[in-house]
Amino acid sequence: GRGVLSLYSADQNADDISIENVLRQ
């Protein structure tokens, strides 16, 4: 859980919820 949340900080587009970006995530 903590590791997944930490990946947020390494993602330049973490809050982008477009289908393309979420598929990449």
PDB file of all heavy atoms in Angstrom:
ATOM      1  N   GLY A   1       0.814  -1.204   0.000  1.00  0.00           N
ATOM      2  CA  GLY A   1       0.000   0.000   0.000  1.00  0.00           C
ATOM      3  C   GLY A   1       0.849   1.256   0.000  1.00  0.00           C
ATOM      4  O   GLY A   1       0.620   2.192  -0.784  1.00  0.00           O
ATOM      5  N   ARG A   2       1.856   1.272   0.861  1.00  0.00           N
ATOM      6  CA  ARG A   2       2.743   2.434   0.952  1.00  0.00           C
ATOM      7  C   ARG A   2       3.569   2.578  -0.326  1.00  0.00           C
ATOM      8  O   ARG A   2       3.795   3.695  -0.814  1.00  0.00           O
ATOM      9  CB  ARG A   2       3.663   2.287   2.165  1.00  0.00           C
ATOM     10  CG  ARG A   2       4.499   3.528   2.448  1.00  0.00           C
ATOM     11  CD  ARG A   2       5.308   3.370   3.724  1.00  0.00           C
ATOM     12  NE  ARG A   2       6.316   2.337   3.612  1.00  0.00           N
ATOM     13  CZ  ARG A   2       6.386   1.264   4.389  1.00  0.00           C
ATOM     14  NH1 ARG A   2       5.497   1.090   5.348  1.00  0.00           N
ATOM     15  NH2 ARG A   2       7.342   0.372   4.225  1.00  0.00           N
ATOM     16  N   GLY A   3       4.020   1.435  -0.874  1.00  0.00           N
ATOM     17  CA  GLY A   3       4.822   1.474  -2.094  1.00  0.00           C
ATOM     18  C   GLY A   3       4.041   2.008  -3.282  1.00  0.00           C
ATOM     19  O   GLY A   3       4.564   2.809  -4.072  1.00  0.00           O
ATOM     20  N   VAL A   4       2.792   1.568  -3.411  1.00  0.00           N
ATOM     21  CA  VAL A   4       1.945   2.055  -4.503  1.00  0.00           C
ATOM     22  C   VAL A   4       1.716   3.554  -4.359  1.00  0.00           C
ATOM     23  O   VAL A   4       1.799   4.307  -5.336  1.00  0.00           O
ATOM     24  CB  VAL A   4       0.609   1.285  -4.540  1.00  0.00           C
ATOM     25  CG1 VAL A   4      -0.413   1.990  -5.432  1.00  0.00           C
ATOM     26  CG2 VAL A   4       0.837  -0.139  -5.041  1.00  0.00           C
ATOM     27  N   LEU A   5       1.444   4.011  -3.147  1.00  0.00           N
ATOM     28  CA  LEU A   5       1.238   5.444  -2.936  1.00  0.00           C
ATOM     29  C   LEU A   5       2.514   6.240  -3.220  1.00  0.00           C
ATOM     30  O   LEU A   5       2.456   7.371  -3.707  1.00  0.00           O
ATOM     31  CB  LEU A   5       0.766   5.702  -1.504  1.00  0.00           C
ATOM     32  CG  LEU A   5      -0.684   5.313  -1.189  1.00  0.00           C
ATOM     33  CD1 LEU A   5      -0.971   5.492   0.296  1.00  0.00           C
ATOM     34  CD2 LEU A   5      -1.656   6.143  -2.015  1.00  0.00           C
ATOM     35  N   SER A   6       3.667   5.646  -2.931  1.00  0.00           N
ATOM     36  CA  SER A   6       4.923   6.353  -3.178  1.00  0.00           C
ATOM     37  C   SER A   6       5.178   6.533  -4.667  1.00  0.00           C
ATOM     38  O   SER A   6       5.861   7.473  -5.090  1.00  0.00           O
ATOM     39  CB  SER A   6       6.095   5.607  -2.533  1.00  0.00           C
ATOM     40  OG  SER A   6       6.374   4.399  -3.224  1.00  0.00           O
ATOM     41  N   LEU A   7       4.632   5.627  -5.499  1.00  0.00           N
ATOM     42  CA  LEU A   7       4.794   5.756  -6.944  1.00  0.00           C
ATOM     43  C   LEU A   7       4.142   7.030  -7.468  1.00  0.00           C
ATOM     44  O   LEU A   7       4.509   7.538  -8.537  1.00  0.00           O
ATOM     45  CB  LEU A   7       4.208   4.528  -7.660  1.00  0.00           C
ATOM     46  CG  LEU A   7       4.994   3.222  -7.510  1.00  0.00           C
ATOM     47  CD1 LEU A   7       4.193   2.059  -8.078  1.00  0.00           C
ATOM     48  CD2 LEU A   7       6.351   3.319  -8.195  1.00  0.00           C
ATOM     49  N   TYR A   8       3.169   7.539  -6.721  1.00  0.00           N
ATOM     50  CA  TYR A   8       2.520   8.802  -7.085  1.00  0.00           C
ATOM     51  C   TYR A   8       3.558   9.916  -7.231  1.00  0.00           C
ATOM     52  O   TYR A   8       3.509  10.703  -8.181  1.00  0.00           O
ATOM     53  CB  TYR A   8       1.485   9.160  -6.015  1.00  0.00           C
ATOM     54  CG  TYR A   8       0.797  10.494  -6.221  1.00  0.00           C
ATOM     55  CD1 TYR A   8      -0.454  10.561  -6.835  1.00  0.00           C
ATOM     56  CD2 TYR A   8       1.371  11.683  -5.796  1.00  0.00           C
ATOM     57  CE1 TYR A   8      -1.091  11.779  -7.027  1.00  0.00           C
ATOM     58  CE2 TYR A   8       0.750  12.909  -5.983  1.00  0.00           C
ATOM     59  CZ  TYR A   8      -0.492  12.944  -6.600  1.00  0.00           C
ATOM     60  OH  TYR A   8      -1.108  14.162  -6.789  1.00  0.00           O
ATOM     61  N   SER A   9       4.488   9.953  -6.280  1.00  0.00           N
ATOM     62  CA  SER A   9       5.474  11.038  -6.282  1.00  0.00           C
ATOM     63  C   SER A   9       6.452  10.934  -7.439  1.00  0.00           C
ATOM     64  O   SER A   9       7.117  11.914  -7.790  1.00  0.00           O
ATOM     65  CB  SER A   9       6.247  11.052  -4.951  1.00  0.00           C
ATOM     66  OG  SER A   9       6.980   9.850  -4.792  1.00  0.00           O
ATOM     67  N   ALA A  10       6.561   9.744  -8.055  1.00  0.00           N
ATOM     68  CA  ALA A  10       7.483   9.550  -9.169  1.00  0.00           C
ATOM     69  C   ALA A  10       6.796   9.703 -10.527  1.00  0.00           C
ATOM     70  O   ALA A  10       7.421   9.512 -11.571  1.00  0.00           O
ATOM     71  CB  ALA A  10       8.126   8.163  -9.076  1.00  0.00           C
ATOM     72  N   ASP A  11       5.499  10.035 -10.490  1.00  0.00           N
ATOM     73  CA  ASP A  11       4.701  10.132 -11.715  1.00  0.00           C
ATOM     74  C   ASP A  11       4.417  11.599 -12.020  1.00  0.00           C
ATOM     75  O   ASP A  11       3.754  12.290 -11.246  1.00  0.00           O
ATOM     76  CB  ASP A  11       3.393   9.353 -11.530  1.00  0.00           C
ATOM     77  CG  ASP A  11       2.599   9.209 -12.818  1.00  0.00           C
ATOM     78  OD1 ASP A  11       2.814  10.011 -13.754  1.00  0.00           O
ATOM     79  OD2 ASP A  11       1.746   8.304 -12.888  1.00  0.00           O
ATOM     80  N   GLN A  12       4.885  12.075 -13.157  1.00  0.00           N
ATOM     81  CA  GLN A  12       4.682  13.468 -13.547  1.00  0.00           C
ATOM     82  C   GLN A  12       3.219  13.779 -13.866  1.00  0.00           C
ATOM     83  O   GLN A  12       2.801  14.942 -13.821  1.00  0.00           O
ATOM     84  CB  GLN A  12       5.554  13.807 -14.771  1.00  0.00           C
ATOM     85  CG  GLN A  12       7.046  13.690 -14.517  1.00  0.00           C
ATOM     86  CD  GLN A  12       7.538  14.674 -13.460  1.00  0.00           C
ATOM     87  OE1 GLN A  12       7.169  15.835 -13.452  1.00  0.00           O
ATOM     88  NE2 GLN A  12       8.371  14.188 -12.542  1.00  0.00           N
ATOM     89  N   ASN A  13       2.454  12.750 -14.185  1.00  0.00           N
ATOM     90  CA  ASN A  13       1.035  12.940 -14.519  1.00  0.00           C
ATOM     91  C   ASN A  13       0.146  12.100 -13.602  1.00  0.00           C
ATOM     92  O   ASN A  13      -0.812  11.474 -14.051  1.00  0.00           O
ATOM     93  CB  ASN A  13       0.778  12.567 -15.985  1.00  0.00           C
ATOM     94  CG  ASN A  13       1.532  13.448 -16.954  1.00  0.00           C
ATOM     95  OD1 ASN A  13       1.436  14.667 -16.885  1.00  0.00           O
ATOM     96  ND2 ASN A  13       2.294  12.829 -17.843  1.00  0.00           N
ATOM     97  N   ALA A  14       0.467  12.104 -12.338  1.00  0.00           N
ATOM     98  CA  ALA A  14      -0.198  11.211 -11.391  1.00  0.00           C
ATOM     99  C   ALA A  14      -1.706  11.430 -11.303  1.00  0.00           C
ATOM    100  O   ALA A  14      -2.481  10.485 -11.112  1.00  0.00           O
ATOM    101  CB  ALA A  14       0.429  11.367 -10.005  1.00  0.00           C
ATOM    102  N   ASP A  15      -2.173  12.677 -11.436  1.00  0.00           N
ATOM    103  CA  ASP A  15      -3.586  12.982 -11.242  1.00  0.00           C
ATOM    104  C   ASP A  15      -4.402  12.988 -12.535  1.00  0.00           C
ATOM    105  O   ASP A  15      -5.609  13.229 -12.497  1.00  0.00           O
ATOM    106  CB  ASP A  15      -3.737  14.348 -10.549  1.00  0.00           C
ATOM    107  CG  ASP A  15      -3.270  14.300  -9.105  1.00  0.00           C
ATOM    108  OD1 ASP A  15      -3.790  13.455  -8.355  1.00  0.00           O
ATOM    109  OD2 ASP A  15      -2.387  15.082  -8.732  1.00  0.00           O
ATOM    110  N   ASP A  16      -3.754  12.720 -13.645  1.00  0.00           N
ATOM    111  CA  ASP A  16      -4.442  12.676 -14.936  1.00  0.00           C
ATOM    112  C   ASP A  16      -5.246  11.375 -15.023  1.00  0.00           C
ATOM    113  O   ASP A  16      -4.681  10.280 -14.991  1.00  0.00           O
ATOM    114  CB  ASP A  16      -3.400  12.737 -16.057  1.00  0.00           C
ATOM    115  CG  ASP A  16      -4.012  12.646 -17.448  1.00  0.00           C
ATOM    116  OD1 ASP A  16      -5.239  12.467 -17.565  1.00  0.00           O
ATOM    117  OD2 ASP A  16      -3.247  12.742 -18.426  1.00  0.00           O
ATOM    118  N   ILE A  17      -6.577  11.494 -15.097  1.00  0.00           N
ATOM    119  CA  ILE A  17      -7.416  10.283 -15.128  1.00  0.00           C
ATOM    120  C   ILE A  17      -7.980  10.017 -16.525  1.00  0.00           C
ATOM    121  O   ILE A  17      -9.021   9.375 -16.673  1.00  0.00           O
ATOM    122  CB  ILE A  17      -8.550  10.336 -14.081  1.00  0.00           C
ATOM    123  CG1 ILE A  17      -9.471  11.531 -14.319  1.00  0.00           C
ATOM    124  CG2 ILE A  17      -7.979  10.357 -12.669  1.00  0.00           C
ATOM    125  CD1 ILE A  17     -10.730  11.500 -13.429  1.00  0.00           C
ATOM    126  N   SER A  18      -7.276  10.492 -17.555  1.00  0.00           N
ATOM    127  CA  SER A  18      -7.645  10.111 -18.917  1.00  0.00           C
ATOM    128  C   SER A  18      -7.378   8.624 -19.096  1.00  0.00           C
ATOM    129  O   SER A  18      -6.514   8.051 -18.422  1.00  0.00           O
ATOM    130  CB  SER A  18      -6.836  10.911 -19.943  1.00  0.00           C
ATOM    131  OG  SER A  18      -5.459  10.561 -19.876  1.00  0.00           O
ATOM    132  N   ILE A  19      -8.110   7.991 -19.982  1.00  0.00           N
ATOM    133  CA  ILE A  19      -7.963   6.548 -20.188  1.00  0.00           C
ATOM    134  C   ILE A  19      -6.536   6.199 -20.615  1.00  0.00           C
ATOM    135  O   ILE A  19      -5.944   5.226 -20.138  1.00  0.00           O
ATOM    136  CB  ILE A  19      -8.976   6.038 -21.236  1.00  0.00           C
ATOM    137  CG1 ILE A  19     -10.408   6.257 -20.728  1.00  0.00           C
ATOM    138  CG2 ILE A  19      -8.741   4.553 -21.528  1.00  0.00           C
ATOM    139  CD1 ILE A  19     -10.719   5.610 -19.393  1.00  0.00           C
ATOM    140  N   GLU A  20      -5.966   7.008 -21.488  1.00  0.00           N
ATOM    141  CA  GLU A  20      -4.602   6.739 -21.950  1.00  0.00           C
ATOM    142  C   GLU A  20      -3.614   6.752 -20.792  1.00  0.00           C
ATOM    143  O   GLU A  20      -2.755   5.856 -20.682  1.00  0.00           O
ATOM    144  CB  GLU A  20      -4.195   7.777 -22.993  1.00  0.00           C
ATOM    145  CG  GLU A  20      -2.795   7.548 -23.555  1.00  0.00           C
ATOM    146  CD  GLU A  20      -2.414   8.576 -24.602  1.00  0.00           C
ATOM    147  OE1 GLU A  20      -3.290   9.352 -25.032  1.00  0.00           O
ATOM    148  OE2 GLU A  20      -1.218   8.609 -24.989  1.00  0.00           O
ATOM    149  N   ASN A  21      -3.726   7.746 -19.921  1.00  0.00           N
ATOM    150  CA  ASN A  21      -2.783   7.853 -18.813  1.00  0.00           C
ATOM    151  C   ASN A  21      -3.012   6.756 -17.773  1.00  0.00           C
ATOM    152  O   ASN A  21      -2.063   6.186 -17.239  1.00  0.00           O
ATOM    153  CB  ASN A  21      -2.894   9.226 -18.144  1.00  0.00           C
ATOM    154  CG  ASN A  21      -1.746   9.487 -17.187  1.00  0.00           C
ATOM    155  OD1 ASN A  21      -0.585   9.431 -17.569  1.00  0.00           O
ATOM    156  ND2 ASN A  21      -2.070   9.734 -15.920  1.00  0.00           N
ATOM    157  N   VAL A  22      -4.273   6.453 -17.486  1.00  0.00           N
ATOM    158  CA  VAL A  22      -4.580   5.409 -16.495  1.00  0.00           C
ATOM    159  C   VAL A  22      -4.151   4.038 -17.014  1.00  0.00           C
ATOM    160  O   VAL A  22      -3.686   3.196 -16.241  1.00  0.00           O
ATOM    161  CB  VAL A  22      -6.079   5.421 -16.129  1.00  0.00           C
ATOM    162  CG1 VAL A  22      -6.443   4.215 -15.259  1.00  0.00           C
ATOM    163  CG2 VAL A  22      -6.433   6.718 -15.392  1.00  0.00           C
ATOM    164  N   LEU A  23      -4.280   3.812 -18.318  1.00  0.00           N
ATOM    165  CA  LEU A  23      -3.796   2.546 -18.880  1.00  0.00           C
ATOM    166  C   LEU A  23      -2.284   2.442 -18.706  1.00  0.00           C
ATOM    167  O   LEU A  23      -1.761   1.388 -18.330  1.00  0.00           O
ATOM    168  CB  LEU A  23      -4.162   2.442 -20.358  1.00  0.00           C
ATOM    169  CG  LEU A  23      -3.671   1.174 -21.072  1.00  0.00           C
ATOM    170  CD1 LEU A  23      -4.261  -0.082 -20.424  1.00  0.00           C
ATOM    171  CD2 LEU A  23      -4.012   1.218 -22.550  1.00  0.00           C
ATOM    172  N   ARG A  24      -1.577   3.543 -18.960  1.00  0.00           N
ATOM    173  CA  ARG A  24      -0.126   3.554 -18.759  1.00  0.00           C
ATOM    174  C   ARG A  24       0.216   3.266 -17.302  1.00  0.00           C
ATOM    175  O   ARG A  24       1.095   2.433 -17.001  1.00  0.00           O
ATOM    176  CB  ARG A  24       0.421   4.920 -19.180  1.00  0.00           C
ATOM    177  CG  ARG A  24       1.930   5.050 -19.185  1.00  0.00           C
ATOM    178  CD  ARG A  24       2.504   5.666 -17.919  1.00  0.00           C
ATOM    179  NE  ARG A  24       1.896   6.945 -17.604  1.00  0.00           N
ATOM    180  CZ  ARG A  24       2.084   7.584 -16.464  1.00  0.00           C
ATOM    181  NH1 ARG A  24       2.848   7.053 -15.513  1.00  0.00           N
ATOM    182  NH2 ARG A  24       1.477   8.735 -16.207  1.00  0.00           N
ATOM    183  N   GLN A  25      -0.493   3.891 -16.379  1.00  0.00           N
ATOM    184  CA  GLN A  25      -0.275   3.650 -14.951  1.00  0.00           C
ATOM    185  C   GLN A  25      -0.590   2.199 -14.583  1.00  0.00           C
ATOM    186  O   GLN A  25       0.108   1.581 -13.769  1.00  0.00           O
ATOM    187  CB  GLN A  25      -1.145   4.594 -14.127  1.00  0.00           C
ATOM    188  CG  GLN A  25      -0.742   6.065 -14.236  1.00  0.00           C
ATOM    189  CD  GLN A  25      -1.748   6.992 -13.586  1.00  0.00           C
ATOM    190  OE1 GLN A  25      -2.949   6.703 -13.533  1.00  0.00           O
ATOM    191  NE2 GLN A  25      -1.273   8.133 -13.091  1.00  0.00           N
TER     192      GLN A  25
END
